[in-house]
Amino acid sequence: MKKQTVFFILFLQFNLLYAQNLKPEEASILFNQALINRDTKILEKLTDDKLSYGHSNAWIEDKESLLKNNLTGYLIYKSIEVENLSRNNKKNICTIRYDGNFEVLLNNKEIKLKIHVLQVWIKKNGAWKLFARQSTKMS
């Protein structure tokens, strides 16, 4: 099973770098994996310049701060488990919703969260870009 996951991630990365024909849910999965891998090149390609990235504690990052915090290790995503993923498309806009179990290090403090995530993806020049993300804590 782990080999299949690695193969799928490599397939998604190939599509992102060369074909840019990812489906929105594939882009979402690749985005989460890039957060975990601290892969700022893929994060750069998958995010819109006007990104608004909202966390469940009301903290909001823009594209520049998301990339910086990921690169410097201020916020490290150790794991992201996605459940109940759904999508809703209309032309060049797509919403992705899912429940997630997140393990992160924020300024070296370990945090485990169960959150609901809403991502808004827009299609620009044939590629899906994350335009907005907001999460809320689940009980």
N, C-alpha and C. Protein backbone atom coordinates (compact mmCIF):
# COMPACT_ATOMS: atom_id res chain seq x y z
N MET A 1 0.82 -1.19 0.00
CA MET A 1 0.00 0.00 0.00
C MET A 1 0.86 1.26 0.00
N LYS A 2 1.95 1.23 0.78
CA LYS A 2 2.83 2.39 0.84
C LYS A 2 3.51 2.64 -0.50
N LYS A 3 3.87 1.57 -1.22
CA LYS A 3 4.47 1.72 -2.54
C LYS A 3 3.50 2.38 -3.51
N GLN A 4 2.22 2.03 -3.41
CA GLN A 4 1.20 2.64 -4.27
C GLN A 4 1.09 4.14 -3.99
N THR A 5 1.14 4.51 -2.73
CA THR A 5 1.05 5.92 -2.35
C THR A 5 2.24 6.70 -2.90
N VAL A 6 3.44 6.14 -2.77
CA VAL A 6 4.65 6.79 -3.29
C VAL A 6 4.55 6.93 -4.80
N PHE A 7 4.11 5.89 -5.47
CA PHE A 7 3.96 5.94 -6.93
C PHE A 7 2.95 7.02 -7.32
N PHE A 8 1.83 7.08 -6.61
CA PHE A 8 0.79 8.06 -6.92
C PHE A 8 1.32 9.48 -6.74
N ILE A 9 2.07 9.72 -5.68
CA ILE A 9 2.63 11.06 -5.43
C ILE A 9 3.63 11.41 -6.54
N LEU A 10 4.47 10.46 -6.94
CA LEU A 10 5.41 10.72 -8.03
C LEU A 10 4.67 11.01 -9.34
N PHE A 11 3.58 10.27 -9.59
CA PHE A 11 2.76 10.52 -10.76
C PHE A 11 2.19 11.93 -10.74
N LEU A 12 1.68 12.35 -9.58
CA LEU A 12 1.12 13.70 -9.45
C LEU A 12 2.20 14.76 -9.66
N GLN A 13 3.38 14.54 -9.10
CA GLN A 13 4.46 15.51 -9.28
C GLN A 13 4.86 15.60 -10.74
N PHE A 14 4.92 14.48 -11.43
CA PHE A 14 5.24 14.50 -12.86
C PHE A 14 4.20 15.32 -13.62
N ASN A 15 2.92 15.06 -13.34
CA ASN A 15 1.86 15.80 -14.01
C ASN A 15 1.96 17.30 -13.71
N LEU A 16 2.26 17.64 -12.48
CA LEU A 16 2.36 19.05 -12.10
C LEU A 16 3.49 19.73 -12.86
N LEU A 17 4.63 19.09 -12.91
CA LEU A 17 5.80 19.72 -13.51
C LEU A 17 5.77 19.72 -15.04
N TYR A 18 5.12 18.72 -15.64
CA TYR A 18 5.21 18.59 -17.08
C TYR A 18 3.87 18.75 -17.81
N ALA A 19 2.82 18.11 -17.33
CA ALA A 19 1.55 18.14 -18.06
C ALA A 19 0.57 19.17 -17.50
N GLN A 20 0.66 19.46 -16.26
CA GLN A 20 -0.22 20.39 -15.57
C GLN A 20 -1.70 20.11 -15.84
N ASN A 21 -2.07 18.85 -15.84
CA ASN A 21 -3.47 18.51 -16.05
C ASN A 21 -4.06 17.76 -14.86
N LEU A 22 -3.68 18.17 -13.68
CA LEU A 22 -4.19 17.55 -12.46
C LEU A 22 -5.66 17.88 -12.27
N LYS A 23 -6.39 16.94 -11.71
CA LYS A 23 -7.75 17.21 -11.24
C LYS A 23 -7.62 17.97 -9.92
N PRO A 24 -8.64 18.73 -9.54
CA PRO A 24 -8.54 19.51 -8.29
C PRO A 24 -8.23 18.65 -7.06
N GLU A 25 -8.86 17.48 -6.95
CA GLU A 25 -8.60 16.64 -5.78
C GLU A 25 -7.18 16.09 -5.79
N GLU A 26 -6.61 15.86 -6.97
CA GLU A 26 -5.22 15.44 -7.06
C GLU A 26 -4.30 16.59 -6.65
N ALA A 27 -4.63 17.79 -7.06
CA ALA A 27 -3.84 18.96 -6.65
C ALA A 27 -3.89 19.13 -5.15
N SER A 28 -5.05 18.89 -4.55
CA SER A 28 -5.20 19.01 -3.10
C SER A 28 -4.32 17.99 -2.37
N ILE A 29 -4.33 16.76 -2.86
CA ILE A 29 -3.50 15.71 -2.25
C ILE A 29 -2.02 16.06 -2.39
N LEU A 30 -1.63 16.50 -3.58
CA LEU A 30 -0.24 16.88 -3.81
C LEU A 30 0.15 18.08 -2.95
N PHE A 31 -0.75 19.03 -2.79
CA PHE A 31 -0.48 20.19 -1.94
C PHE A 31 -0.18 19.75 -0.50
N ASN A 32 -1.03 18.88 0.05
CA ASN A 32 -0.80 18.39 1.42
C ASN A 32 0.53 17.65 1.52
N GLN A 33 0.84 16.84 0.51
CA GLN A 33 2.11 16.11 0.54
C GLN A 33 3.29 17.08 0.46
N ALA A 34 3.14 18.15 -0.31
CA ALA A 34 4.21 19.15 -0.42
C ALA A 34 4.40 19.88 0.91
N LEU A 35 3.31 20.11 1.65
CA LEU A 35 3.44 20.69 2.99
C LEU A 35 4.27 19.79 3.89
N ILE A 36 3.95 18.50 3.87
CA ILE A 36 4.68 17.53 4.71
C ILE A 36 6.15 17.45 4.29
N ASN A 37 6.40 17.42 2.99
CA ASN A 37 7.78 17.30 2.48
C ASN A 37 8.54 18.62 2.47
N ARG A 38 7.84 19.70 2.84
CA ARG A 38 8.43 21.04 2.82
C ARG A 38 9.02 21.35 1.44
N ASP A 39 8.23 21.02 0.42
CA ASP A 39 8.62 21.20 -0.97
C ASP A 39 8.08 22.53 -1.47
N THR A 40 8.85 23.58 -1.28
CA THR A 40 8.37 24.92 -1.63
C THR A 40 8.22 25.11 -3.14
N LYS A 41 8.94 24.35 -3.95
CA LYS A 41 8.78 24.46 -5.40
C LYS A 41 7.37 24.04 -5.82
N ILE A 42 6.91 22.93 -5.29
CA ILE A 42 5.55 22.48 -5.63
C ILE A 42 4.52 23.40 -4.99
N LEU A 43 4.75 23.82 -3.75
CA LEU A 43 3.81 24.75 -3.11
C LEU A 43 3.69 26.04 -3.92
N GLU A 44 4.81 26.52 -4.43
CA GLU A 44 4.82 27.73 -5.26
C GLU A 44 3.96 27.54 -6.50
N LYS A 45 4.10 26.38 -7.16
CA LYS A 45 3.34 26.12 -8.38
C LYS A 45 1.85 25.92 -8.12
N LEU A 46 1.51 25.38 -6.96
CA LEU A 46 0.11 25.06 -6.68
C LEU A 46 -0.69 26.20 -6.04
N THR A 47 -0.05 27.30 -5.70
CA THR A 47 -0.76 28.38 -5.01
C THR A 47 -0.84 29.63 -5.86
N ASP A 48 -1.98 30.30 -5.73
CA ASP A 48 -2.20 31.57 -6.42
C ASP A 48 -1.44 32.67 -5.68
N ASP A 49 -1.05 33.70 -6.41
CA ASP A 49 -0.32 34.82 -5.79
C ASP A 49 -1.16 35.55 -4.74
N LYS A 50 -2.48 35.46 -4.83
CA LYS A 50 -3.39 36.13 -3.88
C LYS A 50 -3.90 35.17 -2.81
N LEU A 51 -3.16 34.09 -2.54
CA LEU A 51 -3.57 33.08 -1.58
C LEU A 51 -3.95 33.67 -0.22
N SER A 52 -5.06 33.16 0.33
CA SER A 52 -5.46 33.42 1.71
C SER A 52 -5.60 32.06 2.38
N TYR A 53 -4.70 31.77 3.34
CA TYR A 53 -4.60 30.45 3.94
C TYR A 53 -4.96 30.56 5.42
N GLY A 54 -6.22 30.27 5.74
CA GLY A 54 -6.71 30.42 7.11
C GLY A 54 -6.61 29.15 7.92
N HIS A 55 -6.13 29.31 9.16
CA HIS A 55 -5.98 28.21 10.10
C HIS A 55 -7.14 28.21 11.08
N SER A 56 -7.31 27.11 11.80
CA SER A 56 -8.43 26.96 12.72
C SER A 56 -8.34 27.87 13.95
N ASN A 57 -7.18 28.48 14.18
CA ASN A 57 -7.02 29.40 15.32
C ASN A 57 -7.13 30.86 14.88
N ALA A 58 -7.63 31.09 13.66
CA ALA A 58 -7.86 32.42 13.07
C ALA A 58 -6.59 33.06 12.51
N TRP A 59 -5.47 32.37 12.54
CA TRP A 59 -4.23 32.86 11.93
C TRP A 59 -4.38 32.73 10.42
N ILE A 60 -3.99 33.76 9.68
CA ILE A 60 -4.09 33.76 8.23
C ILE A 60 -2.72 34.03 7.63
N GLU A 61 -2.34 33.17 6.69
CA GLU A 61 -1.09 33.35 5.97
C GLU A 61 -1.42 33.74 4.52
N ASP A 62 -0.55 34.55 3.93
CA ASP A 62 -0.61 34.78 2.50
C ASP A 62 0.41 33.83 1.85
N LYS A 63 0.55 33.90 0.54
CA LYS A 63 1.46 32.98 -0.15
C LYS A 63 2.89 33.12 0.36
N GLU A 64 3.35 34.36 0.48
CA GLU A 64 4.72 34.59 0.92
C GLU A 64 4.99 34.01 2.31
N SER A 65 4.08 34.23 3.24
CA SER A 65 4.31 33.72 4.60
C SER A 65 4.15 32.21 4.67
N LEU A 66 3.24 31.63 3.87
CA LEU A 66 3.11 30.17 3.83
C LEU A 66 4.42 29.54 3.37
N LEU A 67 4.97 30.06 2.28
CA LEU A 67 6.22 29.51 1.75
C LEU A 67 7.37 29.71 2.74
N LYS A 68 7.45 30.91 3.34
CA LYS A 68 8.53 31.20 4.29
C LYS A 68 8.42 30.31 5.53
N ASN A 69 7.22 30.20 6.09
CA ASN A 69 7.04 29.40 7.30
C ASN A 69 7.30 27.92 7.05
N ASN A 70 6.99 27.46 5.83
CA ASN A 70 7.26 26.08 5.47
C ASN A 70 8.76 25.86 5.28
N LEU A 71 9.41 26.78 4.59
CA LEU A 71 10.84 26.66 4.32
C LEU A 71 11.69 26.74 5.59
N THR A 72 11.36 27.67 6.47
CA THR A 72 12.16 27.87 7.68
C THR A 72 11.87 26.86 8.79
N GLY A 73 10.76 26.13 8.65
CA GLY A 73 10.40 25.17 9.68
C GLY A 73 9.63 25.77 10.84
N TYR A 74 9.19 27.02 10.70
CA TYR A 74 8.36 27.62 11.75
C TYR A 74 7.09 26.80 11.93
N LEU A 75 6.51 26.35 10.82
CA LEU A 75 5.36 25.45 10.85
C LEU A 75 5.71 24.22 10.02
N ILE A 76 5.79 23.08 10.71
CA ILE A 76 6.14 21.82 10.06
C ILE A 76 4.93 20.89 10.14
N TYR A 77 4.51 20.42 8.98
CA TYR A 77 3.42 19.45 8.90
C TYR A 77 4.04 18.06 8.97
N LYS A 78 3.80 17.35 10.07
CA LYS A 78 4.35 16.01 10.22
C LYS A 78 3.49 14.97 9.51
N SER A 79 2.16 15.12 9.61
CA SER A 79 1.26 14.21 8.90
C SER A 79 -0.09 14.88 8.68
N ILE A 80 -0.72 14.47 7.60
CA ILE A 80 -2.08 14.93 7.27
C ILE A 80 -2.84 13.71 6.78
N GLU A 81 -3.88 13.33 7.51
CA GLU A 81 -4.74 12.22 7.11
C GLU A 81 -6.07 12.81 6.67
N VAL A 82 -6.46 12.54 5.44
CA VAL A 82 -7.67 13.11 4.85
C VAL A 82 -8.79 12.07 4.87
N GLU A 83 -9.97 12.50 5.31
CA GLU A 83 -11.17 11.65 5.30
C GLU A 83 -12.32 12.43 4.69
N ASN A 84 -13.24 11.73 4.06
CA ASN A 84 -14.49 12.31 3.56
C ASN A 84 -14.25 13.46 2.57
N LEU A 85 -13.31 13.30 1.67
CA LEU A 85 -13.03 14.35 0.69
C LEU A 85 -14.18 14.45 -0.31
N SER A 86 -14.62 15.67 -0.56
CA SER A 86 -15.64 15.91 -1.58
C SER A 86 -15.24 17.13 -2.38
N ARG A 87 -15.76 17.21 -3.59
CA ARG A 87 -15.45 18.37 -4.43
C ARG A 87 -16.72 18.85 -5.11
N ASN A 88 -16.69 20.13 -5.48
CA ASN A 88 -17.80 20.76 -6.17
C ASN A 88 -17.21 21.72 -7.20
N ASN A 89 -17.43 21.41 -8.49
CA ASN A 89 -16.87 22.21 -9.59
C ASN A 89 -17.92 23.09 -10.23
N LYS A 90 -17.48 24.24 -10.70
CA LYS A 90 -18.27 25.07 -11.60
C LYS A 90 -17.28 25.85 -12.45
N LYS A 91 -17.17 25.46 -13.71
CA LYS A 91 -16.25 26.07 -14.66
C LYS A 91 -14.82 26.07 -14.11
N ASN A 92 -14.25 27.25 -13.84
CA ASN A 92 -12.85 27.36 -13.40
C ASN A 92 -12.70 27.53 -11.90
N ILE A 93 -13.72 27.12 -11.14
CA ILE A 93 -13.67 27.19 -9.67
C ILE A 93 -14.04 25.83 -9.12
N CYS A 94 -13.33 25.41 -8.09
CA CYS A 94 -13.63 24.14 -7.44
C CYS A 94 -13.43 24.29 -5.94
N THR A 95 -14.39 23.76 -5.18
CA THR A 95 -14.20 23.69 -3.74
C THR A 95 -13.92 22.23 -3.36
N ILE A 96 -12.97 22.07 -2.48
CA ILE A 96 -12.62 20.77 -1.91
C ILE A 96 -12.88 20.88 -0.41
N ARG A 97 -13.61 19.92 0.12
CA ARG A 97 -13.85 19.85 1.57
C ARG A 97 -13.40 18.48 2.06
N TYR A 98 -12.82 18.48 3.26
CA TYR A 98 -12.47 17.20 3.89
C TYR A 98 -12.27 17.38 5.38
N ASP A 99 -12.36 16.26 6.08
CA ASP A 99 -12.00 16.22 7.49
C ASP A 99 -10.57 15.71 7.54
N GLY A 100 -9.79 16.29 8.43
CA GLY A 100 -8.39 15.89 8.48
C GLY A 100 -7.85 15.78 9.89
N ASN A 101 -6.96 14.83 10.05
CA ASN A 101 -6.16 14.71 11.27
C ASN A 101 -4.78 15.24 10.94
N PHE A 102 -4.40 16.31 11.61
CA PHE A 102 -3.13 16.99 11.34
C PHE A 102 -2.22 16.85 12.55
N GLU A 103 -0.98 16.52 12.30
CA GLU A 103 0.08 16.60 13.31
C GLU A 103 1.09 17.61 12.81
N VAL A 104 1.28 18.67 13.59
CA VAL A 104 2.18 19.75 13.18
C VAL A 104 3.10 20.14 14.33
N LEU A 105 4.17 20.80 13.96
CA LEU A 105 5.03 21.48 14.92
C LEU A 105 4.94 22.96 14.59
N LEU A 106 4.45 23.74 15.54
CA LEU A 106 4.38 25.19 15.37
C LEU A 106 5.38 25.81 16.33
N ASN A 107 6.44 26.38 15.76
CA ASN A 107 7.51 26.96 16.57
C ASN A 107 8.00 25.94 17.60
N ASN A 108 8.22 24.70 17.14
CA ASN A 108 8.72 23.57 17.93
C ASN A 108 7.73 23.05 18.96
N LYS A 109 6.47 23.44 18.91
CA LYS A 109 5.45 22.92 19.80
C LYS A 109 4.58 21.94 19.02
N GLU A 110 4.48 20.69 19.52
CA GLU A 110 3.71 19.68 18.83
C GLU A 110 2.22 19.90 19.06
N ILE A 111 1.46 19.84 17.97
CA ILE A 111 0.01 20.05 18.02
C ILE A 111 -0.66 18.98 17.18
N LYS A 112 -1.71 18.36 17.73
CA LYS A 112 -2.54 17.40 17.00
C LYS A 112 -3.93 18.00 16.88
N LEU A 113 -4.45 18.03 15.66
CA LEU A 113 -5.74 18.66 15.40
C LEU A 113 -6.63 17.76 14.56
N LYS A 114 -7.90 17.79 14.88
CA LYS A 114 -8.92 17.22 13.99
C LYS A 114 -9.71 18.41 13.49
N ILE A 115 -9.59 18.68 12.19
CA ILE A 115 -10.19 19.88 11.63
C ILE A 115 -10.99 19.56 10.36
N HIS A 116 -11.89 20.47 10.04
CA HIS A 116 -12.59 20.43 8.76
C HIS A 116 -11.93 21.50 7.88
N VAL A 117 -11.62 21.14 6.65
CA VAL A 117 -10.90 22.03 5.74
C VAL A 117 -11.76 22.33 4.51
N LEU A 118 -11.78 23.58 4.13
CA LEU A 118 -12.37 24.02 2.88
C LEU A 118 -11.27 24.68 2.06
N GLN A 119 -11.05 24.17 0.85
CA GLN A 119 -10.09 24.76 -0.07
C GLN A 119 -10.86 25.27 -1.29
N VAL A 120 -10.46 26.45 -1.79
CA VAL A 120 -11.02 26.99 -3.01
C VAL A 120 -9.91 27.02 -4.05
N TRP A 121 -10.13 26.30 -5.14
CA TRP A 121 -9.16 26.18 -6.22
C TRP A 121 -9.69 26.92 -7.44
N ILE A 122 -8.81 27.62 -8.15
CA ILE A 122 -9.17 28.29 -9.39
C ILE A 122 -8.26 27.78 -10.50
N LYS A 123 -8.82 27.70 -11.70
CA LYS A 123 -8.03 27.24 -12.83
C LYS A 123 -7.48 28.43 -13.59
N LYS A 124 -6.15 28.51 -13.67
CA LYS A 124 -5.46 29.60 -14.38
C LYS A 124 -4.45 28.99 -15.33
N ASN A 125 -4.53 29.41 -16.58
CA ASN A 125 -3.60 28.91 -17.61
C ASN A 125 -3.53 27.39 -17.64
N GLY A 126 -4.67 26.74 -17.47
CA GLY A 126 -4.74 25.29 -17.56
C GLY A 126 -4.34 24.52 -16.32
N ALA A 127 -4.00 25.21 -15.24
CA ALA A 127 -3.56 24.52 -14.01
C ALA A 127 -4.40 25.00 -12.82
N TRP A 128 -4.68 24.09 -11.90
CA TRP A 128 -5.42 24.44 -10.69
C TRP A 128 -4.48 25.07 -9.67
N LYS A 129 -4.92 26.19 -9.09
CA LYS A 129 -4.14 26.92 -8.08
C LYS A 129 -5.00 27.08 -6.83
N LEU A 130 -4.41 26.86 -5.68
CA LEU A 130 -5.12 27.09 -4.42
C LEU A 130 -5.25 28.59 -4.21
N PHE A 131 -6.48 29.06 -4.14
CA PHE A 131 -6.76 30.49 -3.97
C PHE A 131 -7.07 30.82 -2.51
N ALA A 132 -7.78 29.90 -1.83
CA ALA A 132 -8.14 30.16 -0.44
C ALA A 132 -8.30 28.83 0.29
N ARG A 133 -8.03 28.89 1.57
CA ARG A 133 -8.19 27.71 2.43
C ARG A 133 -8.61 28.21 3.80
N GLN A 134 -9.59 27.53 4.40
CA GLN A 134 -9.99 27.84 5.77
C GLN A 134 -10.28 26.55 6.48
N SER A 135 -9.92 26.48 7.75
CA SER A 135 -10.20 25.29 8.54
C SER A 135 -10.87 25.69 9.84
N THR A 136 -11.56 24.72 10.41
CA THR A 136 -12.21 24.91 11.70
C THR A 136 -12.03 23.63 12.50
N LYS A 137 -11.89 23.77 13.82
CA LYS A 137 -11.70 22.61 14.68
C LYS A 137 -12.98 21.80 14.77
N MET A 138 -12.82 20.50 14.85
CA MET A 138 -13.95 19.59 15.03
C MET A 138 -13.90 19.07 16.45
N SER A 139 -15.06 18.74 16.99
CA SER A 139 -15.08 18.23 18.37
C SER A 139 -14.82 16.75 18.42
